[in-house]
Structures are given as C-alpha cells and as structure tokens.
Amino acid sequence: MDWILKACDLNKDVEIDDTCQLTLPDIQLKQADRVFRLYIKSLQDNAVYRSEESLTLKRVLLEALESIRYPYKTVEKKLDELPDRIKQI
C-alpha cells in the first residue's frame, strides 16, 4: 500500500518582542500549488512571528518528503545534464 501525501505545512517560529507585535505585517503569497505566509502568533506566554509554507503535493509519501527536503534537486539535475545536451547539439 502506498501512502499519498496530499498537503503539508512547513513552519518556523521566531520569538519577537512587544514592539514587533505592533509593527510586523501579515503577508500571504500564492504561487501555483504553494502558499507562503508570515504572521504573528501567540504561543503560551510568548509572541512569535511565524514563517509558514503550505504545500499541495498529492504524491507518494517518500517522493513528497524527498522534494520537501531537497526542493532544487530536479533543477540541479537538469543543470548537470546541460553540458551533455550542448555537446549533442
């Protein structure tokens, strides 16, 4: 049985002070099947500025995790193949 990863969120929290809570903007950018957000969030007694990326993948779990860990792997592979293709021309 193959597990399919349909969507996931990757996030990183940075602790902020009171001044930042008032001045930092909430931002959301959408591109194809990815959404990137920056926003202020309360975690217990602390305030954090969360950087979050939401992905819609619909891939086999292991392939999806590989693409999350190494997002530029396919681009790097194509760049490595470029000299060979140039020689063919």
PDB file of N, CA and C in Angstrom:
ATOM      1  N   MET A   1       0.843  -1.169   0.000  1.00  0.00           N
ATOM      2  CA  MET A   1       0.000   0.000   0.000  1.00  0.00           C
ATOM      3  C   MET A   1       0.892   1.237   0.000  1.00  0.00           C
ATOM      4  N   ASP A   2       0.615   2.178  -0.894  1.00  0.00           N
ATOM      5  CA  ASP A   2       1.352   3.435  -0.951  1.00  0.00           C
ATOM      6  C   ASP A   2       0.594   4.517  -0.196  1.00  0.00           C
ATOM      7  N   TRP A   3       1.313   5.269   0.592  1.00  0.00           N
ATOM      8  CA  TRP A   3       0.733   6.417   1.277  1.00  0.00           C
ATOM      9  C   TRP A   3       0.869   7.620   0.361  1.00  0.00           C
ATOM     10  N   ILE A   4      -0.168   8.422   0.264  1.00  0.00           N
ATOM     11  CA  ILE A   4      -0.153   9.628  -0.560  1.00  0.00           C
ATOM     12  C   ILE A   4      -0.196  10.847   0.360  1.00  0.00           C
ATOM     13  N   LEU A   5       0.774  11.730   0.206  1.00  0.00           N
ATOM     14  CA  LEU A   5       0.793  12.982   0.952  1.00  0.00           C
ATOM     15  C   LEU A   5       0.098  14.032   0.103  1.00  0.00           C
ATOM     16  N   LYS A   6      -1.044  14.515   0.553  1.00  0.00           N
ATOM     17  CA  LYS A   6      -1.839  15.461  -0.235  1.00  0.00           C
ATOM     18  C   LYS A   6      -1.473  16.907   0.065  1.00  0.00           C
ATOM     19  N   ALA A   7      -1.167  17.206   1.316  1.00  0.00           N
ATOM     20  CA  ALA A   7      -0.816  18.576   1.693  1.00  0.00           C
ATOM     21  C   ALA A   7      -0.027  18.557   2.993  1.00  0.00           C
ATOM     22  N   CYS A   8       0.788  19.574   3.191  1.00  0.00           N
ATOM     23  CA  CYS A   8       1.516  19.703   4.445  1.00  0.00           C
ATOM     24  C   CYS A   8       1.916  21.159   4.651  1.00  0.00           C
ATOM     25  N   ASP A   9       2.215  21.505   5.894  1.00  0.00           N
ATOM     26  CA  ASP A   9       2.681  22.838   6.248  1.00  0.00           C
ATOM     27  C   ASP A   9       4.069  22.727   6.856  1.00  0.00           C
ATOM     28  N   LEU A  10       4.973  23.577   6.409  1.00  0.00           N
ATOM     29  CA  LEU A  10       6.304  23.687   6.986  1.00  0.00           C
ATOM     30  C   LEU A  10       6.361  25.049   7.655  1.00  0.00           C
ATOM     31  N   ASN A  11       6.832  25.121   8.912  1.00  0.00           N
ATOM     32  CA  ASN A  11       6.862  26.423   9.558  1.00  0.00           C
ATOM     33  C   ASN A  11       8.058  26.569  10.475  1.00  0.00           C
ATOM     34  N   LYS A  12       8.377  27.832  10.735  1.00  0.00           N
ATOM     35  CA  LYS A  12       9.474  28.197  11.636  1.00  0.00           C
ATOM     36  C   LYS A  12       8.997  29.400  12.441  1.00  0.00           C
ATOM     37  N   ASP A  13       9.145  29.336  13.767  1.00  0.00           N
ATOM     38  CA  ASP A  13       8.735  30.419  14.649  1.00  0.00           C
ATOM     39  C   ASP A  13       9.953  31.181  15.143  1.00  0.00           C
ATOM     40  N   VAL A  14       9.842  32.521  15.139  1.00  0.00           N
ATOM     41  CA  VAL A  14      10.895  33.388  15.654  1.00  0.00           C
ATOM     42  C   VAL A  14      10.275  34.228  16.763  1.00  0.00           C
ATOM     43  N   GLU A  15      10.840  34.139  17.960  1.00  0.00           N
ATOM     44  CA  GLU A  15      10.296  34.888  19.087  1.00  0.00           C
ATOM     45  C   GLU A  15      10.493  36.387  18.865  1.00  0.00           C
ATOM     46  N   ILE A  16       9.454  37.187  19.178  1.00  0.00           N
ATOM     47  CA  ILE A  16       9.500  38.630  18.962  1.00  0.00           C
ATOM     48  C   ILE A  16       9.120  39.366  20.245  1.00  0.00           C
ATOM     49  N   ASP A  17       9.413  40.678  20.267  1.00  0.00           N
ATOM     50  CA  ASP A  17       9.052  41.477  21.440  1.00  0.00           C
ATOM     51  C   ASP A  17       7.750  42.247  21.178  1.00  0.00           C
ATOM     52  N   ASP A  18       7.345  43.069  22.152  1.00  0.00           N
ATOM     53  CA  ASP A  18       6.079  43.801  22.063  1.00  0.00           C
ATOM     54  C   ASP A  18       6.042  44.775  20.893  1.00  0.00           C
ATOM     55  N   THR A  19       7.148  45.444  20.623  1.00  0.00           N
ATOM     56  CA  THR A  19       7.194  46.412  19.523  1.00  0.00           C
ATOM     57  C   THR A  19       6.949  45.734  18.178  1.00  0.00           C
ATOM     58  N   CYS A  20       7.540  44.586  17.987  1.00  0.00           N
ATOM     59  CA  CYS A  20       7.360  43.857  16.726  1.00  0.00           C
ATOM     60  C   CYS A  20       5.913  43.416  16.538  1.00  0.00           C
ATOM     61  N   GLN A  21       5.237  43.112  17.632  1.00  0.00           N
ATOM     62  CA  GLN A  21       3.838  42.691  17.529  1.00  0.00           C
ATOM     63  C   GLN A  21       2.979  43.782  16.893  1.00  0.00           C
ATOM     64  N   LEU A  22       3.350  45.027  17.122  1.00  0.00           N
ATOM     65  CA  LEU A  22       2.572  46.148  16.592  1.00  0.00           C
ATOM     66  C   LEU A  22       2.976  46.538  15.179  1.00  0.00           C
ATOM     67  N   THR A  23       4.212  46.240  14.779  1.00  0.00           N
ATOM     68  CA  THR A  23       4.720  46.757  13.505  1.00  0.00           C
ATOM     69  C   THR A  23       4.857  45.727  12.388  1.00  0.00           C
ATOM     70  N   LEU A  24       5.000  44.451  12.707  1.00  0.00           N
ATOM     71  CA  LEU A  24       5.207  43.452  11.657  1.00  0.00           C
ATOM     72  C   LEU A  24       3.899  43.167  10.912  1.00  0.00           C
ATOM     73  N   PRO A  25       3.954  43.145   9.573  1.00  0.00           N
ATOM     74  CA  PRO A  25       2.733  42.900   8.799  1.00  0.00           C
ATOM     75  C   PRO A  25       2.427  41.408   8.642  1.00  0.00           C
ATOM     76  N   ASP A  26       1.173  41.093   8.365  1.00  0.00           N
ATOM     77  CA  ASP A  26       0.782  39.748   7.956  1.00  0.00           C
ATOM     78  C   ASP A  26       0.895  39.699   6.443  1.00  0.00           C
ATOM     79  N   ILE A  27       1.551  38.677   5.913  1.00  0.00           N
ATOM     80  CA  ILE A  27       1.804  38.571   4.473  1.00  0.00           C
ATOM     81  C   ILE A  27       1.380  37.192   4.000  1.00  0.00           C
ATOM     82  N   GLN A  28       0.768  37.119   2.816  1.00  0.00           N
ATOM     83  CA  GLN A  28       0.458  35.829   2.204  1.00  0.00           C
ATOM     84  C   GLN A  28       0.725  35.923   0.715  1.00  0.00           C
ATOM     85  N   LEU A  29       1.525  35.001   0.197  1.00  0.00           N
ATOM     86  CA  LEU A  29       1.852  34.929  -1.221  1.00  0.00           C
ATOM     87  C   LEU A  29       1.402  33.575  -1.752  1.00  0.00           C
ATOM     88  N   LYS A  30       0.742  33.568  -2.909  1.00  0.00           N
ATOM     89  CA  LYS A  30       0.304  32.311  -3.527  1.00  0.00           C
ATOM     90  C   LYS A  30       0.991  32.151  -4.877  1.00  0.00           C
ATOM     91  N   GLN A  31       1.454  30.935  -5.131  1.00  0.00           N
ATOM     92  CA  GLN A  31       2.066  30.625  -6.419  1.00  0.00           C
ATOM     93  C   GLN A  31       1.817  29.154  -6.725  1.00  0.00           C
ATOM     94  N   ALA A  32       1.080  28.899  -7.780  1.00  0.00           N
ATOM     95  CA  ALA A  32       0.749  27.536  -8.219  1.00  0.00           C
ATOM     96  C   ALA A  32       0.195  26.720  -7.045  1.00  0.00           C
ATOM     97  N   ASP A  33       0.894  25.674  -6.650  1.00  0.00           N
ATOM     98  CA  ASP A  33       0.384  24.817  -5.570  1.00  0.00           C
ATOM     99  C   ASP A  33       1.055  25.105  -4.228  1.00  0.00           C
ATOM    100  N   ARG A  34       1.627  26.320  -4.088  1.00  0.00           N
ATOM    101  CA  ARG A  34       2.307  26.690  -2.845  1.00  0.00           C
ATOM    102  C   ARG A  34       1.731  27.987  -2.293  1.00  0.00           C
ATOM    103  N   VAL A  35       1.691  28.078  -0.960  1.00  0.00           N
ATOM    104  CA  VAL A  35       1.262  29.300  -0.277  1.00  0.00           C
ATOM    105  C   VAL A  35       2.295  29.595   0.802  1.00  0.00           C
ATOM    106  N   PHE A  36       2.773  30.848   0.829  1.00  0.00           N
ATOM    107  CA  PHE A  36       3.761  31.266   1.815  1.00  0.00           C
ATOM    108  C   PHE A  36       3.140  32.356   2.674  1.00  0.00           C
ATOM    109  N   ARG A  37       3.247  32.201   4.008  1.00  0.00           N
ATOM    110  CA  ARG A  37       2.643  33.168   4.932  1.00  0.00           C
ATOM    111  C   ARG A  37       3.646  33.610   5.991  1.00  0.00           C
ATOM    112  N   LEU A  38       3.516  34.863   6.412  1.00  0.00           N
ATOM    113  CA  LEU A  38       4.214  35.412   7.567  1.00  0.00           C
ATOM    114  C   LEU A  38       3.163  36.067   8.439  1.00  0.00           C
ATOM    115  N   TYR A  39       3.112  35.714   9.731  1.00  0.00           N
ATOM    116  CA  TYR A  39       2.111  36.308  10.612  1.00  0.00           C
ATOM    117  C   TYR A  39       2.535  36.162  12.065  1.00  0.00           C
ATOM    118  N   ILE A  40       1.919  36.978  12.930  1.00  0.00           N
ATOM    119  CA  ILE A  40       2.183  36.950  14.365  1.00  0.00           C
ATOM    120  C   ILE A  40       1.253  35.934  15.013  1.00  0.00           C
ATOM    121  N   LYS A  41       1.819  35.157  15.938  1.00  0.00           N
ATOM    122  CA  LYS A  41       1.033  34.118  16.609  1.00  0.00           C
ATOM    123  C   LYS A  41       1.415  34.076  18.087  1.00  0.00           C
ATOM    124  N   SER A  42       0.437  33.837  18.937  1.00  0.00           N
ATOM    125  CA  SER A  42       0.691  33.677  20.369  1.00  0.00           C
ATOM    126  C   SER A  42       0.915  32.205  20.684  1.00  0.00           C
ATOM    127  N   LEU A  43       2.003  31.941  21.391  1.00  0.00           N
ATOM    128  CA  LEU A  43       2.298  30.591  21.876  1.00  0.00           C
ATOM    129  C   LEU A  43       2.503  30.686  23.375  1.00  0.00           C
ATOM    130  N   GLN A  44       1.524  30.236  24.126  1.00  0.00           N
ATOM    131  CA  GLN A  44       1.506  30.348  25.587  1.00  0.00           C
ATOM    132  C   GLN A  44       1.755  31.802  25.998  1.00  0.00           C
ATOM    133  N   ASP A  45       2.879  32.086  26.674  1.00  0.00           N
ATOM    134  CA  ASP A  45       3.162  33.442  27.143  1.00  0.00           C
ATOM    135  C   ASP A  45       3.992  34.259  26.155  1.00  0.00           C
ATOM    136  N   ASN A  46       4.397  33.680  25.052  1.00  0.00           N
ATOM    137  CA  ASN A  46       5.279  34.346  24.092  1.00  0.00           C
ATOM    138  C   ASN A  46       4.547  34.689  22.798  1.00  0.00           C
ATOM    139  N   ALA A  47       5.055  35.699  22.126  1.00  0.00           N
ATOM    140  CA  ALA A  47       4.581  36.023  20.788  1.00  0.00           C
ATOM    141  C   ALA A  47       5.681  35.636  19.803  1.00  0.00           C
ATOM    142  N   VAL A  48       5.290  35.049  18.690  1.00  0.00           N
ATOM    143  CA  VAL A  48       6.255  34.648  17.661  1.00  0.00           C
ATOM    144  C   VAL A  48       5.789  35.152  16.301  1.00  0.00           C
ATOM    145  N   TYR A  49       6.753  35.343  15.417  1.00  0.00           N
ATOM    146  CA  TYR A  49       6.458  35.659  14.028  1.00  0.00           C
ATOM    147  C   TYR A  49       6.665  34.365  13.269  1.00  0.00           C
ATOM    148  N   ARG A  50       5.596  33.808  12.720  1.00  0.00           N
ATOM    149  CA  ARG A  50       5.654  32.501  12.079  1.00  0.00           C
ATOM    150  C   ARG A  50       5.857  32.654  10.568  1.00  0.00           C
ATOM    151  N   SER A  51       6.825  31.917  10.069  1.00  0.00           N
ATOM    152  CA  SER A  51       7.057  31.774   8.641  1.00  0.00           C
ATOM    153  C   SER A  51       6.511  30.404   8.268  1.00  0.00           C
ATOM    154  N   GLU A  52       5.564  30.359   7.329  1.00  0.00           N
ATOM    155  CA  GLU A  52       4.868  29.106   7.040  1.00  0.00           C
ATOM    156  C   GLU A  52       4.723  28.914   5.538  1.00  0.00           C
ATOM    157  N   GLU A  53       4.949  27.702   5.084  1.00  0.00           N
ATOM    158  CA  GLU A  53       4.722  27.354   3.685  1.00  0.00           C
ATOM    159  C   GLU A  53       3.752  26.184   3.644  1.00  0.00           C
ATOM    160  N   SER A  54       2.665  26.345   2.908  1.00  0.00           N
ATOM    161  CA  SER A  54       1.679  25.275   2.726  1.00  0.00           C
ATOM    162  C   SER A  54       1.855  24.699   1.333  1.00  0.00           C
ATOM    163  N   LEU A  55       1.999  23.393   1.284  1.00  0.00           N
ATOM    164  CA  LEU A  55       2.203  22.709   0.004  1.00  0.00           C
ATOM    165  C   LEU A  55       1.043  21.769  -0.291  1.00  0.00           C
ATOM    166  N   THR A  56       0.630  21.725  -1.551  1.00  0.00           N
ATOM    167  CA  THR A  56      -0.325  20.740  -2.032  1.00  0.00           C
ATOM    168  C   THR A  56       0.458  19.826  -2.954  1.00  0.00           C
ATOM    169  N   LEU A  57       0.627  18.567  -2.571  1.00  0.00           N
ATOM    170  CA  LEU A  57       1.544  17.684  -3.285  1.00  0.00           C
ATOM    171  C   LEU A  57       0.855  16.571  -4.057  1.00  0.00           C
ATOM    172  N   LYS A  58       0.019  15.797  -3.394  1.00  0.00           N
ATOM    173  CA  LYS A  58      -0.629  14.621  -3.986  1.00  0.00           C
ATOM    174  C   LYS A  58       0.389  13.690  -4.634  1.00  0.00           C
ATOM    175  N   ARG A  59       1.405  13.311  -3.879  1.00  0.00           N
ATOM    176  CA  ARG A  59       2.449  12.401  -4.346  1.00  0.00           C
ATOM    177  C   ARG A  59       2.617  11.263  -3.349  1.00  0.00           C
ATOM    178  N   VAL A  60       3.322  10.251  -3.770  1.00  0.00           N
ATOM    179  CA  VAL A  60       3.681   9.168  -2.862  1.00  0.00           C
ATOM    180  C   VAL A  60       4.522   9.769  -1.739  1.00  0.00           C
ATOM    181  N   LEU A  61       4.279   9.321  -0.525  1.00  0.00           N
ATOM    182  CA  LEU A  61       4.852   9.934   0.665  1.00  0.00           C
ATOM    183  C   LEU A  61       6.373  10.116   0.584  1.00  0.00           C
ATOM    184  N   LEU A  62       7.104   9.076   0.231  1.00  0.00           N
ATOM    185  CA  LEU A  62       8.566   9.172   0.207  1.00  0.00           C
ATOM    186  C   LEU A  62       9.048  10.164  -0.840  1.00  0.00           C
ATOM    187  N   GLU A  63       8.413  10.205  -2.006  1.00  0.00           N
ATOM    188  CA  GLU A  63       8.775  11.178  -3.034  1.00  0.00           C
ATOM    189  C   GLU A  63       8.487  12.593  -2.549  1.00  0.00           C
ATOM    190  N   ALA A  64       7.355  12.782  -1.884  1.00  0.00           N
ATOM    191  CA  ALA A  64       6.974  14.096  -1.379  1.00  0.00           C
ATOM    192  C   ALA A  64       7.965  14.592  -0.333  1.00  0.00           C
ATOM    193  N   LEU A  65       8.344  13.713   0.596  1.00  0.00           N
ATOM    194  CA  LEU A  65       9.312  14.108   1.615  1.00  0.00           C
ATOM    195  C   LEU A  65      10.665  14.449   0.998  1.00  0.00           C
ATOM    196  N   GLU A  66      11.056  13.709  -0.008  1.00  0.00           N
ATOM    197  CA  GLU A  66      12.309  13.988  -0.713  1.00  0.00           C
ATOM    198  C   GLU A  66      12.260  15.363  -1.381  1.00  0.00           C
ATOM    199  N   SER A  67      11.148  15.716  -2.009  1.00  0.00           N
ATOM    200  CA  SER A  67      11.032  17.014  -2.673  1.00  0.00           C
ATOM    201  C   SER A  67      10.966  18.161  -1.668  1.00  0.00           C
ATOM    202  N   ILE A  68      10.473  17.892  -0.461  1.00  0.00           N
ATOM    203  CA  ILE A  68      10.454  18.924   0.578  1.00  0.00           C
ATOM    204  C   ILE A  68      11.869  19.143   1.121  1.00  0.00           C
ATOM    205  N   ARG A  69      12.600  18.067   1.349  1.00  0.00           N
ATOM    206  CA  ARG A  69      13.969  18.179   1.889  1.00  0.00           C
ATOM    207  C   ARG A  69      14.934  18.777   0.882  1.00  0.00           C
ATOM    208  N   TYR A  70      14.769  18.440  -0.400  1.00  0.00           N
ATOM    209  CA  TYR A  70      15.667  18.915  -1.451  1.00  0.00           C
ATOM    210  C   TYR A  70      14.842  19.551  -2.572  1.00  0.00           C
ATOM    211  N   PRO A  71      14.330  20.780  -2.359  1.00  0.00           N
ATOM    212  CA  PRO A  71      13.416  21.376  -3.333  1.00  0.00           C
ATOM    213  C   PRO A  71      14.049  21.679  -4.694  1.00  0.00           C
ATOM    214  N   TYR A  72      15.367  21.836  -4.748  1.00  0.00           N
ATOM    215  CA  TYR A  72      16.020  22.205  -6.011  1.00  0.00           C
ATOM    216  C   TYR A  72      16.716  21.030  -6.683  1.00  0.00           C
ATOM    217  N   LYS A  73      16.448  19.819  -6.220  1.00  0.00           N
ATOM    218  CA  LYS A  73      17.136  18.641  -6.755  1.00  0.00           C
ATOM    219  C   LYS A  73      16.880  18.466  -8.247  1.00  0.00           C
ATOM    220  N   THR A  74      15.643  18.654  -8.702  1.00  0.00           N
ATOM    221  CA  THR A  74      15.343  18.483 -10.127  1.00  0.00           C
ATOM    222  C   THR A  74      16.026  19.561 -10.968  1.00  0.00           C
ATOM    223  N   VAL A  75      16.085  20.773 -10.450  1.00  0.00           N
ATOM    224  CA  VAL A  75      16.766  21.855 -11.172  1.00  0.00           C
ATOM    225  C   VAL A  75      18.255  21.562 -11.269  1.00  0.00           C
ATOM    226  N   GLU A  76      18.859  21.105 -10.165  1.00  0.00           N
ATOM    227  CA  GLU A  76      20.281  20.776 -10.170  1.00  0.00           C
ATOM    228  C   GLU A  76      20.584  19.642 -11.142  1.00  0.00           C
ATOM    229  N   LYS A  77      19.692  18.661 -11.209  1.00  0.00           N
ATOM    230  CA  LYS A  77      19.885  17.547 -12.141  1.00  0.00           C
ATOM    231  C   LYS A  77      19.874  18.042 -13.582  1.00  0.00           C
ATOM    232  N   LYS A  78      18.937  18.927 -13.904  1.00  0.00           N
ATOM    233  CA  LYS A  78      18.872  19.474 -15.253  1.00  0.00           C
ATOM    234  C   LYS A  78      20.117  20.293 -15.584  1.00  0.00           C
ATOM    235  N   LEU A  79      20.619  21.036 -14.607  1.00  0.00           N
ATOM    236  CA  LEU A  79      21.846  21.807 -14.831  1.00  0.00           C
ATOM    237  C   LEU A  79      23.047  20.899 -15.055  1.00  0.00           C
ATOM    238  N   ASP A  80      23.082  19.772 -14.349  1.00  0.00           N
ATOM    239  CA  ASP A  80      24.170  18.811 -14.540  1.00  0.00           C
ATOM    240  C   ASP A  80      24.119  18.171 -15.931  1.00  0.00           C
ATOM    241  N   GLU A  81      22.912  17.992 -16.471  1.00  0.00           N
ATOM    242  CA  GLU A  81      22.755  17.383 -17.796  1.00  0.00           C
ATOM    243  C   GLU A  81      22.991  18.382 -18.935  1.00  0.00           C
ATOM    244  N   LEU A  82      23.004  19.641 -18.639  1.00  0.00           N
ATOM    245  CA  LEU A  82      23.124  20.682 -19.660  1.00  0.00           C
ATOM    246  C   LEU A  82      24.375  20.573 -20.521  1.00  0.00           C
ATOM    247  N   PRO A  83      25.583  20.368 -19.968  1.00  0.00           N
ATOM    248  CA  PRO A  83      26.772  20.242 -20.817  1.00  0.00           C
ATOM    249  C   PRO A  83      26.665  19.095 -21.836  1.00  0.00           C
ATOM    250  N   ASP A  84      26.092  17.972 -21.422  1.00  0.00           N
ATOM    251  CA  ASP A  84      25.935  16.841 -22.340  1.00  0.00           C
ATOM    252  C   ASP A  84      24.997  17.202 -23.491  1.00  0.00           C
ATOM    253  N   ARG A  85      23.935  17.900 -23.174  1.00  0.00           N
ATOM    254  CA  ARG A  85      22.978  18.301 -24.221  1.00  0.00           C
ATOM    255  C   ARG A  85      23.596  19.308 -25.179  1.00  0.00           C
ATOM    256  N   ILE A  86      24.421  20.193 -24.657  1.00  0.00           N
ATOM    257  CA  ILE A  86      25.103  21.176 -25.503  1.00  0.00           C
ATOM    258  C   ILE A  86      26.060  20.460 -26.453  1.00  0.00           C
ATOM    259  N   LYS A  87      26.773  19.440 -25.973  1.00  0.00           N
ATOM    260  CA  LYS A  87      27.688  18.671 -26.805  1.00  0.00           C
ATOM    261  C   LYS A  87      26.953  17.966 -27.925  1.00  0.00           C
ATOM    262  N   GLN A  88      25.704  17.491 -27.642  1.00  0.00           N
ATOM    263  CA  GLN A  88      24.906  16.813 -28.654  1.00  0.00           C
ATOM    264  C   GLN A  88      24.520  17.752 -29.792  1.00  0.00           C
ATOM    265  N   ILE A  89      24.322  18.993 -29.463  1.00  0.00           N
ATOM    266  CA  ILE A  89      23.931  19.978 -30.483  1.00  0.00           C
ATOM    267  C   ILE A  89      25.134  20.308 -31.332  1.00  0.00           C
TER     268      ILE A  89
END
